[in-house]
PDB file of all heavy atoms in Angstrom:
ATOM      1  N   VAL A   1       7.772  -8.994 -15.192  1.00  0.00           N
ATOM      2  CA  VAL A   1       6.486  -9.111 -14.376  1.00  0.00           C
ATOM      3  C   VAL A   1       6.318  -8.076 -13.354  1.00  0.00           C
ATOM      4  O   VAL A   1       5.193  -7.804 -12.896  1.00  0.00           O
ATOM      5  CB  VAL A   1       6.350 -10.483 -13.758  1.00  0.00           C
ATOM      6  CG1 VAL A   1       6.368 -11.612 -14.829  1.00  0.00           C
ATOM      7  CG2 VAL A   1       7.449 -10.794 -12.748  1.00  0.00           C
ATOM      8  N   GLU A   2       7.434  -7.339 -12.982  1.00  0.00           N
ATOM      9  CA  GLU A   2       7.262  -6.193 -12.004  1.00  0.00           C
ATOM     10  C   GLU A   2       8.477  -5.306 -12.138  1.00  0.00           C
ATOM     11  O   GLU A   2       9.574  -5.746 -12.397  1.00  0.00           O
ATOM     12  CB  GLU A   2       7.185  -6.753 -10.625  1.00  0.00           C
ATOM     13  CG  GLU A   2       6.852  -5.590  -9.574  1.00  0.00           C
ATOM     14  CD  GLU A   2       6.431  -6.142  -8.232  1.00  0.00           C
ATOM     15  OE1 GLU A   2       6.344  -7.348  -8.017  1.00  0.00           O
ATOM     16  OE2 GLU A   2       5.959  -5.278  -7.355  1.00  0.00           O
ATOM     17  N   GLN A   3       8.220  -3.983 -12.053  1.00  0.00           N
ATOM     18  CA  GLN A   3       9.289  -3.006 -12.018  1.00  0.00           C
ATOM     19  C   GLN A   3       8.905  -2.023 -10.939  1.00  0.00           C
ATOM     20  O   GLN A   3       7.745  -1.603 -10.778  1.00  0.00           O
ATOM     21  CB  GLN A   3       9.438  -2.240 -13.307  1.00  0.00           C
ATOM     22  CG  GLN A   3      10.042  -3.038 -14.510  1.00  0.00           C
ATOM     23  CD  GLN A   3      10.361  -2.169 -15.616  1.00  0.00           C
ATOM     24  OE1 GLN A   3      11.230  -1.274 -15.484  1.00  0.00           O
ATOM     25  NE2 GLN A   3       9.715  -2.238 -16.766  1.00  0.00           N
ATOM     26  N   ALA A   4      10.000  -1.583 -10.148  1.00  0.00           N
ATOM     27  CA  ALA A   4       9.764  -0.635  -9.010  1.00  0.00           C
ATOM     28  C   ALA A   4      11.009  -0.097  -8.570  1.00  0.00           C
ATOM     29  O   ALA A   4      12.055  -0.672  -8.753  1.00  0.00           O
ATOM     30  CB  ALA A   4       9.000  -1.387  -7.874  1.00  0.00           C
ATOM     31  N   PRO A   5      11.007   1.072  -7.857  1.00  0.00           N
ATOM     32  CA  PRO A   5      12.118   1.443  -7.093  1.00  0.00           C
ATOM     33  C   PRO A   5      12.423   0.286  -6.091  1.00  0.00           C
ATOM     34  O   PRO A   5      11.536  -0.326  -5.527  1.00  0.00           O
ATOM     35  CB  PRO A   5      11.623   2.660  -6.332  1.00  0.00           C
ATOM     36  CG  PRO A   5      10.549   3.290  -7.157  1.00  0.00           C
ATOM     37  CD  PRO A   5       9.905   2.006  -7.786  1.00  0.00           C
ATOM     38  N   VAL A   6      13.661   0.067  -5.808  1.00  0.00           N
ATOM     39  CA  VAL A   6      14.117  -1.150  -5.094  1.00  0.00           C
ATOM     40  C   VAL A   6      13.432  -1.265  -3.745  1.00  0.00           C
ATOM     41  O   VAL A   6      12.960  -2.370  -3.370  1.00  0.00           O
ATOM     42  CB  VAL A   6      15.571  -1.275  -4.996  1.00  0.00           C
ATOM     43  CG1 VAL A   6      16.226  -0.249  -4.096  1.00  0.00           C
ATOM     44  CG2 VAL A   6      16.029  -2.628  -4.531  1.00  0.00           C
ATOM     45  N   PHE A   7      13.355  -0.211  -2.931  1.00  0.00           N
ATOM     46  CA  PHE A   7      12.668  -0.355  -1.688  1.00  0.00           C
ATOM     47  C   PHE A   7      11.183  -0.395  -1.710  1.00  0.00           C
ATOM     48  O   PHE A   7      10.560  -0.997  -0.849  1.00  0.00           O
ATOM     49  CB  PHE A   7      13.176   0.763  -0.803  1.00  0.00           C
ATOM     50  CG  PHE A   7      14.701   0.748  -0.533  1.00  0.00           C
ATOM     51  CD1 PHE A   7      15.527   1.658  -1.103  1.00  0.00           C
ATOM     52  CD2 PHE A   7      15.230  -0.328   0.185  1.00  0.00           C
ATOM     53  CE1 PHE A   7      16.910   1.537  -0.846  1.00  0.00           C
ATOM     54  CE2 PHE A   7      16.602  -0.473   0.435  1.00  0.00           C
ATOM     55  CZ  PHE A   7      17.424   0.529  -0.168  1.00  0.00           C
ATOM     56  N   ALA A   8      10.597   0.096  -2.724  1.00  0.00           N
ATOM     57  CA  ALA A   8       9.160  -0.047  -2.970  1.00  0.00           C
ATOM     58  C   ALA A   8       8.797  -1.514  -3.227  1.00  0.00           C
ATOM     59  O   ALA A   8       7.778  -2.083  -2.714  1.00  0.00           O
ATOM     60  CB  ALA A   8       8.639   0.794  -4.100  1.00  0.00           C
ATOM     61  N   LEU A   9       9.709  -2.251  -4.023  1.00  0.00           N
ATOM     62  CA  LEU A   9       9.486  -3.633  -4.204  1.00  0.00           C
ATOM     63  C   LEU A   9       9.522  -4.479  -2.837  1.00  0.00           C
ATOM     64  O   LEU A   9       8.662  -5.293  -2.617  1.00  0.00           O
ATOM     65  CB  LEU A   9      10.478  -4.222  -5.151  1.00  0.00           C
ATOM     66  CG  LEU A   9      10.331  -5.684  -5.541  1.00  0.00           C
ATOM     67  CD1 LEU A   9       9.366  -5.766  -6.724  1.00  0.00           C
ATOM     68  CD2 LEU A   9      11.604  -6.374  -5.807  1.00  0.00           C
ATOM     69  N   PHE A  10      10.563  -4.172  -2.021  1.00  0.00           N
ATOM     70  CA  PHE A  10      10.657  -4.936  -0.731  1.00  0.00           C
ATOM     71  C   PHE A  10       9.518  -4.516   0.216  1.00  0.00           C
ATOM     72  O   PHE A  10       9.014  -5.370   0.987  1.00  0.00           O
ATOM     73  CB  PHE A  10      11.960  -4.606  -0.084  1.00  0.00           C
ATOM     74  CG  PHE A  10      13.176  -5.432  -0.626  1.00  0.00           C
ATOM     75  CD1 PHE A  10      13.866  -4.989  -1.678  1.00  0.00           C
ATOM     76  CD2 PHE A  10      13.422  -6.669  -0.081  1.00  0.00           C
ATOM     77  CE1 PHE A  10      14.912  -5.710  -2.166  1.00  0.00           C
ATOM     78  CE2 PHE A  10      14.469  -7.435  -0.528  1.00  0.00           C
ATOM     79  CZ  PHE A  10      15.198  -6.938  -1.603  1.00  0.00           C
ATOM     80  N   ASP A  11       9.109  -3.256   0.120  1.00  0.00           N
ATOM     81  CA  ASP A  11       7.977  -2.908   1.039  1.00  0.00           C
ATOM     82  C   ASP A  11       6.633  -3.344   0.588  1.00  0.00           C
ATOM     83  O   ASP A  11       5.785  -3.717   1.434  1.00  0.00           O
ATOM     84  CB  ASP A  11       7.939  -1.291   1.126  1.00  0.00           C
ATOM     85  CG  ASP A  11       9.086  -0.750   1.947  1.00  0.00           C
ATOM     86  OD1 ASP A  11       9.639  -1.479   2.777  1.00  0.00           O
ATOM     87  OD2 ASP A  11       9.433   0.451   1.772  1.00  0.00           O
ATOM     88  N   ASP A  12       6.436  -3.448  -0.684  1.00  0.00           N
ATOM     89  CA  ASP A  12       5.106  -3.714  -1.174  1.00  0.00           C
ATOM     90  C   ASP A  12       5.102  -4.435  -2.484  1.00  0.00           C
ATOM     91  O   ASP A  12       4.786  -3.925  -3.589  1.00  0.00           O
ATOM     92  CB  ASP A  12       4.348  -2.391  -1.391  1.00  0.00           C
ATOM     93  CG  ASP A  12       2.835  -2.521  -1.698  1.00  0.00           C
ATOM     94  OD1 ASP A  12       2.283  -3.601  -1.327  1.00  0.00           O
ATOM     95  OD2 ASP A  12       2.201  -1.611  -2.262  1.00  0.00           O
ATOM     96  N   PRO A  13       5.464  -5.713  -2.567  1.00  0.00           N
ATOM     97  CA  PRO A  13       5.629  -6.456  -3.793  1.00  0.00           C
ATOM     98  C   PRO A  13       4.205  -6.611  -4.367  1.00  0.00           C
ATOM     99  O   PRO A  13       3.254  -6.871  -3.663  1.00  0.00           O
ATOM    100  CB  PRO A  13       6.164  -7.832  -3.288  1.00  0.00           C
ATOM    101  CG  PRO A  13       5.911  -8.000  -1.851  1.00  0.00           C
ATOM    102  CD  PRO A  13       5.952  -6.579  -1.399  1.00  0.00           C
ATOM    103  N   GLN A  14       4.094  -6.482  -5.662  1.00  0.00           N
ATOM    104  CA  GLN A  14       2.840  -6.518  -6.384  1.00  0.00           C
ATOM    105  C   GLN A  14       2.702  -7.655  -7.301  1.00  0.00           C
ATOM    106  O   GLN A  14       1.754  -7.772  -8.128  1.00  0.00           O
ATOM    107  CB  GLN A  14       2.536  -5.214  -7.079  1.00  0.00           C
ATOM    108  CG  GLN A  14       2.339  -3.990  -6.202  1.00  0.00           C
ATOM    109  CD  GLN A  14       1.071  -4.156  -5.439  1.00  0.00           C
ATOM    110  OE1 GLN A  14      -0.001  -4.553  -5.952  1.00  0.00           O
ATOM    111  NE2 GLN A  14       1.121  -3.857  -4.076  1.00  0.00           N
ATOM    112  N   HIS A  15       3.614  -8.603  -7.335  1.00  0.00           N
ATOM    113  CA  HIS A  15       3.533  -9.869  -8.102  1.00  0.00           C
ATOM    114  C   HIS A  15       3.910 -11.038  -7.251  1.00  0.00           C
ATOM    115  O   HIS A  15       4.907 -10.946  -6.537  1.00  0.00           O
ATOM    116  CB  HIS A  15       4.475  -9.764  -9.370  1.00  0.00           C
ATOM    117  CG  HIS A  15       4.078 -10.793 -10.364  1.00  0.00           C
ATOM    118  ND1 HIS A  15       4.454 -12.130 -10.186  1.00  0.00           N
ATOM    119  CD2 HIS A  15       3.450 -10.699 -11.581  1.00  0.00           C
ATOM    120  CE1 HIS A  15       3.949 -12.821 -11.247  1.00  0.00           C
ATOM    121  NE2 HIS A  15       3.382 -12.008 -12.115  1.00  0.00           N
ATOM    122  N   PRO A  16       3.191 -12.083  -7.260  1.00  0.00           N
ATOM    123  CA  PRO A  16       3.501 -13.249  -6.384  1.00  0.00           C
ATOM    124  C   PRO A  16       4.869 -13.858  -6.608  1.00  0.00           C
ATOM    125  O   PRO A  16       5.471 -14.340  -5.771  1.00  0.00           O
ATOM    126  CB  PRO A  16       2.397 -14.227  -6.729  1.00  0.00           C
ATOM    127  CG  PRO A  16       1.231 -13.441  -7.205  1.00  0.00           C
ATOM    128  CD  PRO A  16       1.848 -12.295  -7.976  1.00  0.00           C
ATOM    129  N   TYR A  17       5.377 -13.717  -7.897  1.00  0.00           N
ATOM    130  CA  TYR A  17       6.729 -14.278  -8.139  1.00  0.00           C
ATOM    131  C   TYR A  17       7.847 -13.357  -7.400  1.00  0.00           C
ATOM    132  O   TYR A  17       8.762 -13.908  -6.813  1.00  0.00           O
ATOM    133  CB  TYR A  17       7.043 -14.207  -9.637  1.00  0.00           C
ATOM    134  CG  TYR A  17       8.363 -14.729  -9.925  1.00  0.00           C
ATOM    135  CD1 TYR A  17       8.806 -16.004  -9.594  1.00  0.00           C
ATOM    136  CD2 TYR A  17       9.335 -13.930 -10.666  1.00  0.00           C
ATOM    137  CE1 TYR A  17      10.038 -16.492  -9.920  1.00  0.00           C
ATOM    138  CE2 TYR A  17      10.628 -14.394 -10.924  1.00  0.00           C
ATOM    139  CZ  TYR A  17      10.984 -15.743 -10.566  1.00  0.00           C
ATOM    140  OH  TYR A  17      12.221 -16.178 -10.893  1.00  0.00           O
ATOM    141  N   SER A  18       7.634 -12.013  -7.372  1.00  0.00           N
ATOM    142  CA  SER A  18       8.509 -11.178  -6.599  1.00  0.00           C
ATOM    143  C   SER A  18       8.484 -11.575  -5.113  1.00  0.00           C
ATOM    144  O   SER A  18       9.514 -11.703  -4.439  1.00  0.00           O
ATOM    145  CB  SER A  18       8.082  -9.692  -6.753  1.00  0.00           C
ATOM    146  OG  SER A  18       8.103  -9.336  -8.151  1.00  0.00           O
ATOM    147  N   LEU A  19       7.275 -11.866  -4.620  1.00  0.00           N
ATOM    148  CA  LEU A  19       7.119 -12.292  -3.230  1.00  0.00           C
ATOM    149  C   LEU A  19       7.855 -13.593  -3.071  1.00  0.00           C
ATOM    150  O   LEU A  19       8.581 -13.765  -1.949  1.00  0.00           O
ATOM    151  CB  LEU A  19       5.643 -12.481  -2.891  1.00  0.00           C
ATOM    152  CG  LEU A  19       5.323 -13.051  -1.550  1.00  0.00           C
ATOM    153  CD1 LEU A  19       5.645 -12.126  -0.449  1.00  0.00           C
ATOM    154  CD2 LEU A  19       3.838 -13.423  -1.440  1.00  0.00           C
ATOM    155  N   GLY A  20       7.807 -14.520  -3.980  1.00  0.00           N
ATOM    156  CA  GLY A  20       8.457 -15.780  -3.824  1.00  0.00           C
ATOM    157  C   GLY A  20       9.939 -15.686  -3.786  1.00  0.00           C
ATOM    158  O   GLY A  20      10.620 -16.321  -2.944  1.00  0.00           O
ATOM    159  N   LEU A  21      10.500 -14.743  -4.580  1.00  0.00           N
ATOM    160  CA  LEU A  21      11.940 -14.577  -4.561  1.00  0.00           C
ATOM    161  C   LEU A  21      12.332 -13.912  -3.217  1.00  0.00           C
ATOM    162  O   LEU A  21      13.408 -14.276  -2.680  1.00  0.00           O
ATOM    163  CB  LEU A  21      12.381 -13.592  -5.665  1.00  0.00           C
ATOM    164  CG  LEU A  21      12.236 -14.106  -7.150  1.00  0.00           C
ATOM    165  CD1 LEU A  21      12.517 -12.971  -8.089  1.00  0.00           C
ATOM    166  CD2 LEU A  21      13.112 -15.299  -7.363  1.00  0.00           C
ATOM    167  N   MET A  22      11.548 -13.049  -2.664  1.00  0.00           N
ATOM    168  CA  MET A  22      11.889 -12.452  -1.341  1.00  0.00           C
ATOM    169  C   MET A  22      11.794 -13.478  -0.252  1.00  0.00           C
ATOM    170  O   MET A  22      12.620 -13.522   0.657  1.00  0.00           O
ATOM    171  CB  MET A  22      10.922 -11.254  -1.114  1.00  0.00           C
ATOM    172  CG  MET A  22      11.068 -10.087  -2.034  1.00  0.00           C
ATOM    173  SD  MET A  22       9.695  -8.929  -1.981  1.00  0.00           S
ATOM    174  CE  MET A  22       9.850  -8.319  -0.291  1.00  0.00           C
ATOM    175  N   ASN A  23      10.820 -14.335  -0.307  1.00  0.00           N
ATOM    176  CA  ASN A  23      10.764 -15.373   0.738  1.00  0.00           C
ATOM    177  C   ASN A  23      11.772 -16.407   0.736  1.00  0.00           C
ATOM    178  O   ASN A  23      12.018 -17.121   1.639  1.00  0.00           O
ATOM    179  CB  ASN A  23       9.308 -16.016   0.671  1.00  0.00           C
ATOM    180  CG  ASN A  23       8.183 -15.141   1.152  1.00  0.00           C
ATOM    181  OD1 ASN A  23       8.359 -14.197   1.812  1.00  0.00           O
ATOM    182  ND2 ASN A  23       6.903 -15.507   0.775  1.00  0.00           N
ATOM    183  N   ALA A  24      12.468 -16.516  -0.432  1.00  0.00           N
ATOM    184  CA  ALA A  24      13.553 -17.436  -0.590  1.00  0.00           C
ATOM    185  C   ALA A  24      14.927 -16.938  -0.053  1.00  0.00           C
ATOM    186  O   ALA A  24      15.889 -17.662  -0.027  1.00  0.00           O
ATOM    187  CB  ALA A  24      13.729 -17.853  -2.033  1.00  0.00           C
ATOM    188  N   ILE A  25      14.927 -15.648   0.293  1.00  0.00           N
ATOM    189  CA  ILE A  25      16.235 -15.033   0.808  1.00  0.00           C
ATOM    190  C   ILE A  25      16.375 -15.517   2.270  1.00  0.00           C
ATOM    191  O   ILE A  25      15.565 -15.286   3.144  1.00  0.00           O
ATOM    192  CB  ILE A  25      16.165 -13.489   0.754  1.00  0.00           C
ATOM    193  CG1 ILE A  25      15.920 -13.048  -0.598  1.00  0.00           C
ATOM    194  CG2 ILE A  25      17.447 -12.947   1.255  1.00  0.00           C
ATOM    195  CD1 ILE A  25      15.727 -11.469  -0.758  1.00  0.00           C
ATOM    196  N   PRO A  26      17.609 -16.100   2.629  1.00  0.00           N
ATOM    197  CA  PRO A  26      17.862 -16.333   4.008  1.00  0.00           C
ATOM    198  C   PRO A  26      17.905 -15.033   4.826  1.00  0.00           C
ATOM    199  O   PRO A  26      18.586 -14.121   4.469  1.00  0.00           O
ATOM    200  CB  PRO A  26      19.179 -17.039   3.991  1.00  0.00           C
ATOM    201  CG  PRO A  26      19.384 -17.523   2.518  1.00  0.00           C
ATOM    202  CD  PRO A  26      18.633 -16.497   1.760  1.00  0.00           C
ATOM    203  N   ARG A  27      17.215 -14.994   5.955  1.00  0.00           N
ATOM    204  CA  ARG A  27      17.227 -13.794   6.731  1.00  0.00           C
ATOM    205  C   ARG A  27      17.642 -14.200   8.216  1.00  0.00           C
ATOM    206  O   ARG A  27      16.768 -14.596   9.049  1.00  0.00           O
ATOM    207  CB  ARG A  27      15.860 -13.177   6.812  1.00  0.00           C
ATOM    208  CG  ARG A  27      15.398 -12.644   5.491  1.00  0.00           C
ATOM    209  CD  ARG A  27      16.243 -11.460   4.986  1.00  0.00           C
ATOM    210  NE  ARG A  27      16.205 -10.378   5.921  1.00  0.00           N
ATOM    211  CZ  ARG A  27      15.435  -9.307   5.728  1.00  0.00           C
ATOM    212  NH1 ARG A  27      14.644  -9.268   4.667  1.00  0.00           N
ATOM    213  NH2 ARG A  27      15.376  -8.330   6.551  1.00  0.00           N
ATOM    214  N   PRO A  28      18.981 -14.197   8.510  1.00  0.00           N
ATOM    215  CA  PRO A  28      19.396 -14.711   9.899  1.00  0.00           C
ATOM    216  C   PRO A  28      18.801 -13.919  10.971  1.00  0.00           C
ATOM    217  O   PRO A  28      18.601 -14.422  12.139  1.00  0.00           O
ATOM    218  CB  PRO A  28      20.921 -14.480   9.778  1.00  0.00           C
ATOM    219  CG  PRO A  28      21.251 -14.495   8.328  1.00  0.00           C
ATOM    220  CD  PRO A  28      20.046 -13.886   7.649  1.00  0.00           C
ATOM    221  N   GLU A  29      18.466 -12.654  10.769  1.00  0.00           N
ATOM    222  CA  GLU A  29      17.888 -11.826  11.824  1.00  0.00           C
ATOM    223  C   GLU A  29      16.491 -12.167  12.163  1.00  0.00           C
ATOM    224  O   GLU A  29      15.987 -11.797  13.221  1.00  0.00           O
ATOM    225  CB  GLU A  29      17.957 -10.280  11.472  1.00  0.00           C
ATOM    226  CG  GLU A  29      16.975  -9.876  10.358  1.00  0.00           C
ATOM    227  CD  GLU A  29      17.553 -10.057   8.934  1.00  0.00           C
ATOM    228  OE1 GLU A  29      18.427 -10.859   8.833  1.00  0.00           O
ATOM    229  OE2 GLU A  29      17.052  -9.346   8.041  1.00  0.00           O
TER     230      GLU A  29
END
């Protein structure tokens, strides 16, 4: 559903599923 250089995906996700996976990552900081 999405392909990108890895940092482009984190900077600018273009599929809501990618966004969902990112929001599910624990971020202690």
